[in-house]
């Protein structure tokens, strides 16, 4: 997550960009888009159940009740272990991670009222850290003038910078590149500030 100084720099960049366009820009950074509790629990249950076919090979002095208890202990231990976020993310399929992050991005678009801006010129830059997911959502007024391919180019550049450990710079460069497209599609005609400029942290 960004520190206070980096967040201030991002806020100033957003203000500077919005001074040149009628569009409204909101940035959201989420630690993770879901806790994926159901997936980690299913994995723990599945691995614990695998003990059942092996019970016939247990020493004769271990009774069935003891084996059943061992199975429960294994399930609980794995359920706790799989709650460690780096391990959880490895258990969750990429398609599921991106689906949950995409859903959260769309909820944030609505919760931050980007759909209610004048002339439908709202833009959301959404990043979910645990899922390594970045998405730019543009409202109708911008989508009519800027193709998804151009937004995707900015997203890909963002991801490349983050992989190099430059998360703060990636955010700033992303906002600046978006600003260039916004200035082209919706140049400033009036002074306004409908939505907050600070980074929204989840």
C-alpha atoms as a PDB file:
ATOM      1  CA  UNK A   1       0.000   0.000   0.000  1.00  0.00           C
ATOM      2  CA  UNK A   2       1.145   3.584  -0.614  1.00  0.00           C
ATOM      3  CA  UNK A   3       2.460   5.726   2.243  1.00  0.00           C
ATOM      4  CA  UNK A   4       1.102   9.193   3.107  1.00  0.00           C
ATOM      5  CA  UNK A   5       3.637  11.061   0.960  1.00  0.00           C
ATOM      6  CA  UNK A   6       2.904   8.895  -2.067  1.00  0.00           C
ATOM      7  CA  UNK A   7      -0.841   9.336  -1.598  1.00  0.00           C
ATOM      8  CA  UNK A   8      -0.440  13.124  -1.453  1.00  0.00           C
ATOM      9  CA  UNK A   9       1.555  13.081  -4.677  1.00  0.00           C
ATOM     10  CA  UNK A  10      -1.158  11.009  -6.344  1.00  0.00           C
ATOM     11  CA  UNK A  11      -3.839  13.422  -5.116  1.00  0.00           C
ATOM     12  CA  UNK A  12      -1.958  16.381  -6.599  1.00  0.00           C
ATOM     13  CA  UNK A  13      -1.589  14.534  -9.888  1.00  0.00           C
ATOM     14  CA  UNK A  14      -5.326  13.868 -10.036  1.00  0.00           C
ATOM     15  CA  UNK A  15      -6.071  17.554  -9.322  1.00  0.00           C
ATOM     16  CA  UNK A  16      -3.675  18.616 -12.077  1.00  0.00           C
ATOM     17  CA  UNK A  17      -5.249  16.194 -14.560  1.00  0.00           C
ATOM     18  CA  UNK A  18      -8.793  17.269 -13.694  1.00  0.00           C
ATOM     19  CA  UNK A  19      -7.832  20.915 -14.219  1.00  0.00           C
ATOM     20  CA  UNK A  20      -7.420  20.082 -17.931  1.00  0.00           C
ATOM     21  CA  UNK A  21     -10.568  18.015 -18.492  1.00  0.00           C
ATOM     22  CA  UNK A  22     -14.266  17.883 -17.658  1.00  0.00           C
ATOM     23  CA  UNK A  23     -13.847  14.241 -16.629  1.00  0.00           C
ATOM     24  CA  UNK A  24     -13.762  13.078 -13.002  1.00  0.00           C
ATOM     25  CA  UNK A  25     -11.036  10.634 -11.951  1.00  0.00           C
ATOM     26  CA  UNK A  26     -11.257   8.342  -8.914  1.00  0.00           C
ATOM     27  CA  UNK A  27      -8.483   5.940  -7.880  1.00  0.00           C
ATOM     28  CA  UNK A  28      -9.131   2.906  -5.678  1.00  0.00           C
ATOM     29  CA  UNK A  29      -6.526   0.608  -4.123  1.00  0.00           C
ATOM     30  CA  UNK A  30      -7.794  -2.594  -2.474  1.00  0.00           C
ATOM     31  CA  UNK A  31      -5.656  -4.908  -0.370  1.00  0.00           C
ATOM     32  CA  UNK A  32      -7.669  -7.828  -1.729  1.00  0.00           C
ATOM     33  CA  UNK A  33     -11.062  -8.220  -3.375  1.00  0.00           C
ATOM     34  CA  UNK A  34     -12.300 -11.206  -1.362  1.00  0.00           C
ATOM     35  CA  UNK A  35     -11.208 -13.294   1.620  1.00  0.00           C
ATOM     36  CA  UNK A  36     -11.783 -16.511  -0.391  1.00  0.00           C
ATOM     37  CA  UNK A  37     -12.702 -18.305   2.829  1.00  0.00           C
ATOM     38  CA  UNK A  38     -14.852 -20.835   0.978  1.00  0.00           C
ATOM     39  CA  UNK A  39     -11.978 -21.877  -1.288  1.00  0.00           C
ATOM     40  CA  UNK A  40      -9.382 -22.313   1.463  1.00  0.00           C
ATOM     41  CA  UNK A  41     -11.934 -24.280   3.522  1.00  0.00           C
ATOM     42  CA  UNK A  42     -12.772 -26.550   0.589  1.00  0.00           C
ATOM     43  CA  UNK A  43      -9.091 -27.299   0.028  1.00  0.00           C
ATOM     44  CA  UNK A  44      -8.608 -28.135   3.712  1.00  0.00           C
ATOM     45  CA  UNK A  45     -11.660 -30.431   3.689  1.00  0.00           C
ATOM     46  CA  UNK A  46     -10.560 -32.154   0.480  1.00  0.00           C
ATOM     47  CA  UNK A  47      -7.060 -32.910   1.769  1.00  0.00           C
ATOM     48  CA  UNK A  48      -8.398 -34.064   5.145  1.00  0.00           C
ATOM     49  CA  UNK A  49     -10.808 -36.467   3.412  1.00  0.00           C
ATOM     50  CA  UNK A  50      -7.924 -38.035   1.542  1.00  0.00           C
ATOM     51  CA  UNK A  51      -6.917 -39.656   4.842  1.00  0.00           C
ATOM     52  CA  UNK A  52      -9.995 -41.906   4.729  1.00  0.00           C
ATOM     53  CA  UNK A  53      -8.666 -44.337   2.079  1.00  0.00           C
ATOM     54  CA  UNK A  54      -5.351 -44.468   3.960  1.00  0.00           C
ATOM     55  CA  UNK A  55      -6.881 -45.465   7.275  1.00  0.00           C
ATOM     56  CA  UNK A  56      -6.569 -49.171   6.459  1.00  0.00           C
ATOM     57  CA  UNK A  57      -2.798 -48.720   6.446  1.00  0.00           C
ATOM     58  CA  UNK A  58      -2.644 -47.138   9.902  1.00  0.00           C
ATOM     59  CA  UNK A  59      -1.062 -49.156  12.732  1.00  0.00           C
ATOM     60  CA  UNK A  60      -3.457 -51.694  14.280  1.00  0.00           C
ATOM     61  CA  UNK A  61      -3.319 -49.972  17.682  1.00  0.00           C
ATOM     62  CA  UNK A  62      -4.896 -46.750  16.312  1.00  0.00           C
ATOM     63  CA  UNK A  63      -8.624 -47.057  16.748  1.00  0.00           C
ATOM     64  CA  UNK A  64     -11.179 -45.690  14.304  1.00  0.00           C
ATOM     65  CA  UNK A  65     -12.160 -42.899  16.689  1.00  0.00           C
ATOM     66  CA  UNK A  66      -8.551 -41.802  16.965  1.00  0.00           C
ATOM     67  CA  UNK A  67      -8.194 -41.799  13.181  1.00  0.00           C
ATOM     68  CA  UNK A  68     -11.347 -39.696  12.904  1.00  0.00           C
ATOM     69  CA  UNK A  69      -9.888 -37.245  15.431  1.00  0.00           C
ATOM     70  CA  UNK A  70      -6.662 -37.044  13.418  1.00  0.00           C
ATOM     71  CA  UNK A  71      -8.727 -36.216  10.375  1.00  0.00           C
ATOM     72  CA  UNK A  72     -10.412 -33.321  12.191  1.00  0.00           C
ATOM     73  CA  UNK A  73      -7.096 -32.035  13.515  1.00  0.00           C
ATOM     74  CA  UNK A  74      -5.646 -32.076  10.000  1.00  0.00           C
ATOM     75  CA  UNK A  75      -8.674 -30.237   8.638  1.00  0.00           C
ATOM     76  CA  UNK A  76      -8.439 -27.495  11.280  1.00  0.00           C
ATOM     77  CA  UNK A  77      -4.671 -27.135  10.857  1.00  0.00           C
ATOM     78  CA  UNK A  78      -4.936 -26.853   7.072  1.00  0.00           C
ATOM     79  CA  UNK A  79      -7.881 -24.434   7.293  1.00  0.00           C
ATOM     80  CA  UNK A  80      -5.776 -22.130   9.484  1.00  0.00           C
ATOM     81  CA  UNK A  81      -2.659 -22.524   7.334  1.00  0.00           C
ATOM     82  CA  UNK A  82      -4.550 -21.777   4.132  1.00  0.00           C
ATOM     83  CA  UNK A  83      -5.747 -18.459   5.584  1.00  0.00           C
ATOM     84  CA  UNK A  84      -2.197 -17.110   5.085  1.00  0.00           C
ATOM     85  CA  UNK A  85      -2.776 -14.725   2.197  1.00  0.00           C
ATOM     86  CA  UNK A  86       0.180 -15.648  -0.068  1.00  0.00           C
ATOM     87  CA  UNK A  87      -0.851 -19.301   0.168  1.00  0.00           C
ATOM     88  CA  UNK A  88      -4.546 -18.506  -0.264  1.00  0.00           C
ATOM     89  CA  UNK A  89      -3.825 -16.668  -3.504  1.00  0.00           C
ATOM     90  CA  UNK A  90      -2.020 -19.737  -4.863  1.00  0.00           C
ATOM     91  CA  UNK A  91      -5.037 -21.920  -4.110  1.00  0.00           C
ATOM     92  CA  UNK A  92      -7.527 -19.617  -5.844  1.00  0.00           C
ATOM     93  CA  UNK A  93      -7.741 -20.053  -9.646  1.00  0.00           C
ATOM     94  CA  UNK A  94      -6.695 -16.970 -11.613  1.00  0.00           C
ATOM     95  CA  UNK A  95     -10.092 -16.768 -13.291  1.00  0.00           C
ATOM     96  CA  UNK A  96     -11.837 -16.620  -9.895  1.00  0.00           C
ATOM     97  CA  UNK A  97      -9.404 -13.976  -8.552  1.00  0.00           C
ATOM     98  CA  UNK A  98      -9.959 -11.727 -11.569  1.00  0.00           C
ATOM     99  CA  UNK A  99     -13.729 -12.274 -11.488  1.00  0.00           C
ATOM    100  CA  UNK A 100     -13.945 -11.175  -7.847  1.00  0.00           C
ATOM    101  CA  UNK A 101     -11.662  -8.185  -8.457  1.00  0.00           C
ATOM    102  CA  UNK A 102     -13.691  -7.163 -11.505  1.00  0.00           C
ATOM    103  CA  UNK A 103     -16.911  -7.330  -9.470  1.00  0.00           C
ATOM    104  CA  UNK A 104     -15.401  -5.139  -6.751  1.00  0.00           C
ATOM    105  CA  UNK A 105     -14.229  -2.629  -9.355  1.00  0.00           C
ATOM    106  CA  UNK A 106     -17.773  -2.263 -10.674  1.00  0.00           C
ATOM    107  CA  UNK A 107     -19.184  -1.881  -7.172  1.00  0.00           C
ATOM    108  CA  UNK A 108     -16.638   0.851  -6.480  1.00  0.00           C
ATOM    109  CA  UNK A 109     -17.618   2.595  -9.700  1.00  0.00           C
ATOM    110  CA  UNK A 110     -21.186   2.835  -8.399  1.00  0.00           C
ATOM    111  CA  UNK A 111     -20.337   3.513  -4.741  1.00  0.00           C
ATOM    112  CA  UNK A 112     -18.104   6.431  -5.727  1.00  0.00           C
ATOM    113  CA  UNK A 113     -20.959   7.783  -7.895  1.00  0.00           C
ATOM    114  CA  UNK A 114     -18.899   7.852 -11.067  1.00  0.00           C
ATOM    115  CA  UNK A 115     -22.056   6.968 -12.983  1.00  0.00           C
ATOM    116  CA  UNK A 116     -23.730  10.214 -11.893  1.00  0.00           C
ATOM    117  CA  UNK A 117     -21.187  12.775 -13.119  1.00  0.00           C
ATOM    118  CA  UNK A 118     -22.212  15.512 -15.513  1.00  0.00           C
ATOM    119  CA  UNK A 119     -22.222  14.229 -19.115  1.00  0.00           C
ATOM    120  CA  UNK A 120     -21.230  10.754 -17.838  1.00  0.00           C
ATOM    121  CA  UNK A 121     -17.502  11.532 -17.767  1.00  0.00           C
ATOM    122  CA  UNK A 122     -16.448   9.423 -14.779  1.00  0.00           C
ATOM    123  CA  UNK A 123     -13.260   7.352 -14.815  1.00  0.00           C
ATOM    124  CA  UNK A 124     -12.206   4.731 -12.257  1.00  0.00           C
ATOM    125  CA  UNK A 125      -8.646   3.424 -11.906  1.00  0.00           C
ATOM    126  CA  UNK A 126      -8.974   0.284  -9.785  1.00  0.00           C
ATOM    127  CA  UNK A 127      -6.117  -1.811  -8.368  1.00  0.00           C
ATOM    128  CA  UNK A 128      -6.459  -4.938  -6.233  1.00  0.00           C
ATOM    129  CA  UNK A 129      -3.101  -5.757  -4.708  1.00  0.00           C
ATOM    130  CA  UNK A 130      -3.462  -9.432  -3.719  1.00  0.00           C
ATOM    131  CA  UNK A 131      -4.945 -10.395  -7.087  1.00  0.00           C
ATOM    132  CA  UNK A 132      -2.396  -8.344  -9.079  1.00  0.00           C
ATOM    133  CA  UNK A 133      -5.400  -6.890 -10.883  1.00  0.00           C
ATOM    134  CA  UNK A 134      -5.700  -3.504 -12.580  1.00  0.00           C
ATOM    135  CA  UNK A 135      -8.743  -2.178 -14.433  1.00  0.00           C
ATOM    136  CA  UNK A 136      -9.810   1.170 -15.842  1.00  0.00           C
ATOM    137  CA  UNK A 137     -13.565   1.744 -16.089  1.00  0.00           C
ATOM    138  CA  UNK A 138     -14.842   4.655 -18.153  1.00  0.00           C
ATOM    139  CA  UNK A 139     -18.425   5.899 -18.208  1.00  0.00           C
ATOM    140  CA  UNK A 140     -20.460   6.263 -21.381  1.00  0.00           C
ATOM    141  CA  UNK A 141     -19.380   9.819 -22.172  1.00  0.00           C
ATOM    142  CA  UNK A 142     -15.734   8.724 -22.345  1.00  0.00           C
ATOM    143  CA  UNK A 143     -16.280   5.277 -23.861  1.00  0.00           C
ATOM    144  CA  UNK A 144     -17.773   6.930 -26.939  1.00  0.00           C
ATOM    145  CA  UNK A 145     -14.429   8.618 -27.687  1.00  0.00           C
ATOM    146  CA  UNK A 146     -11.756   6.342 -26.213  1.00  0.00           C
ATOM    147  CA  UNK A 147     -11.453   2.667 -27.155  1.00  0.00           C
ATOM    148  CA  UNK A 148     -10.821  -0.134 -24.666  1.00  0.00           C
ATOM    149  CA  UNK A 149      -7.537  -0.876 -26.435  1.00  0.00           C
ATOM    150  CA  UNK A 150      -6.125   2.511 -25.436  1.00  0.00           C
ATOM    151  CA  UNK A 151      -7.101   1.975 -21.788  1.00  0.00           C
ATOM    152  CA  UNK A 152      -5.581  -1.513 -21.930  1.00  0.00           C
ATOM    153  CA  UNK A 153      -2.247  -0.109 -23.065  1.00  0.00           C
ATOM    154  CA  UNK A 154      -2.158   2.054 -19.929  1.00  0.00           C
ATOM    155  CA  UNK A 155      -3.093  -0.942 -17.759  1.00  0.00           C
ATOM    156  CA  UNK A 156      -0.286  -3.051 -19.234  1.00  0.00           C
ATOM    157  CA  UNK A 157       2.252  -0.278 -18.611  1.00  0.00           C
ATOM    158  CA  UNK A 158       0.966   0.011 -15.032  1.00  0.00           C
ATOM    159  CA  UNK A 159       1.443  -3.712 -14.433  1.00  0.00           C
ATOM    160  CA  UNK A 160       4.972  -3.663 -15.875  1.00  0.00           C
ATOM    161  CA  UNK A 161       5.990  -0.867 -13.491  1.00  0.00           C
ATOM    162  CA  UNK A 162       4.428  -2.584 -10.470  1.00  0.00           C
ATOM    163  CA  UNK A 163       6.344  -5.782 -11.258  1.00  0.00           C
ATOM    164  CA  UNK A 164       9.500  -3.681 -11.024  1.00  0.00           C
ATOM    165  CA  UNK A 165       8.467  -2.561  -7.538  1.00  0.00           C
ATOM    166  CA  UNK A 166       7.438   0.944  -8.611  1.00  0.00           C
ATOM    167  CA  UNK A 167       3.844   0.968  -7.356  1.00  0.00           C
ATOM    168  CA  UNK A 168       3.708   4.678  -6.511  1.00  0.00           C
ATOM    169  CA  UNK A 169       5.293   5.747  -9.810  1.00  0.00           C
ATOM    170  CA  UNK A 170       2.994   3.355 -11.670  1.00  0.00           C
ATOM    171  CA  UNK A 171      -0.098   5.003 -10.146  1.00  0.00           C
ATOM    172  CA  UNK A 172       1.110   8.500 -10.983  1.00  0.00           C
ATOM    173  CA  UNK A 173       2.105   7.589 -14.538  1.00  0.00           C
ATOM    174  CA  UNK A 174      -1.226   5.834 -15.023  1.00  0.00           C
ATOM    175  CA  UNK A 175      -3.171   8.938 -13.964  1.00  0.00           C
ATOM    176  CA  UNK A 176      -1.005  11.128 -16.209  1.00  0.00           C
ATOM    177  CA  UNK A 177      -1.509   8.874 -19.235  1.00  0.00           C
ATOM    178  CA  UNK A 178      -5.244   8.755 -18.577  1.00  0.00           C
ATOM    179  CA  UNK A 179      -5.178  12.540 -18.302  1.00  0.00           C
ATOM    180  CA  UNK A 180      -3.773  12.811 -21.823  1.00  0.00           C
ATOM    181  CA  UNK A 181      -6.666  10.772 -23.219  1.00  0.00           C
ATOM    182  CA  UNK A 182      -9.219  12.641 -21.116  1.00  0.00           C
ATOM    183  CA  UNK A 183      -7.939  16.028 -22.239  1.00  0.00           C
ATOM    184  CA  UNK A 184      -8.309  14.869 -25.824  1.00  0.00           C
ATOM    185  CA  UNK A 185     -11.810  13.391 -25.387  1.00  0.00           C
ATOM    186  CA  UNK A 186     -13.274  15.877 -22.884  1.00  0.00           C
ATOM    187  CA  UNK A 187     -11.228  19.082 -22.679  1.00  0.00           C
ATOM    188  CA  UNK A 188     -12.040  21.412 -19.804  1.00  0.00           C
ATOM    189  CA  UNK A 189     -14.978  23.784 -20.327  1.00  0.00           C
ATOM    190  CA  UNK A 190     -15.815  24.603 -16.721  1.00  0.00           C
ATOM    191  CA  UNK A 191     -14.212  24.513 -13.284  1.00  0.00           C
ATOM    192  CA  UNK A 192     -15.671  21.713 -11.211  1.00  0.00           C
ATOM    193  CA  UNK A 193     -14.764  19.035  -8.678  1.00  0.00           C
ATOM    194  CA  UNK A 194     -17.685  16.669  -8.203  1.00  0.00           C
ATOM    195  CA  UNK A 195     -15.807  13.773  -6.606  1.00  0.00           C
ATOM    196  CA  UNK A 196     -12.924  13.416  -4.114  1.00  0.00           C
ATOM    197  CA  UNK A 197      -9.396  13.384  -5.536  1.00  0.00           C
ATOM    198  CA  UNK A 198      -7.684  11.329  -2.837  1.00  0.00           C
ATOM    199  CA  UNK A 199      -6.840   7.653  -3.228  1.00  0.00           C
ATOM    200  CA  UNK A 200      -9.633   5.435  -1.867  1.00  0.00           C
ATOM    201  CA  UNK A 201      -8.148   2.608   0.235  1.00  0.00           C
ATOM    202  CA  UNK A 202     -10.087  -0.594   0.879  1.00  0.00           C
END
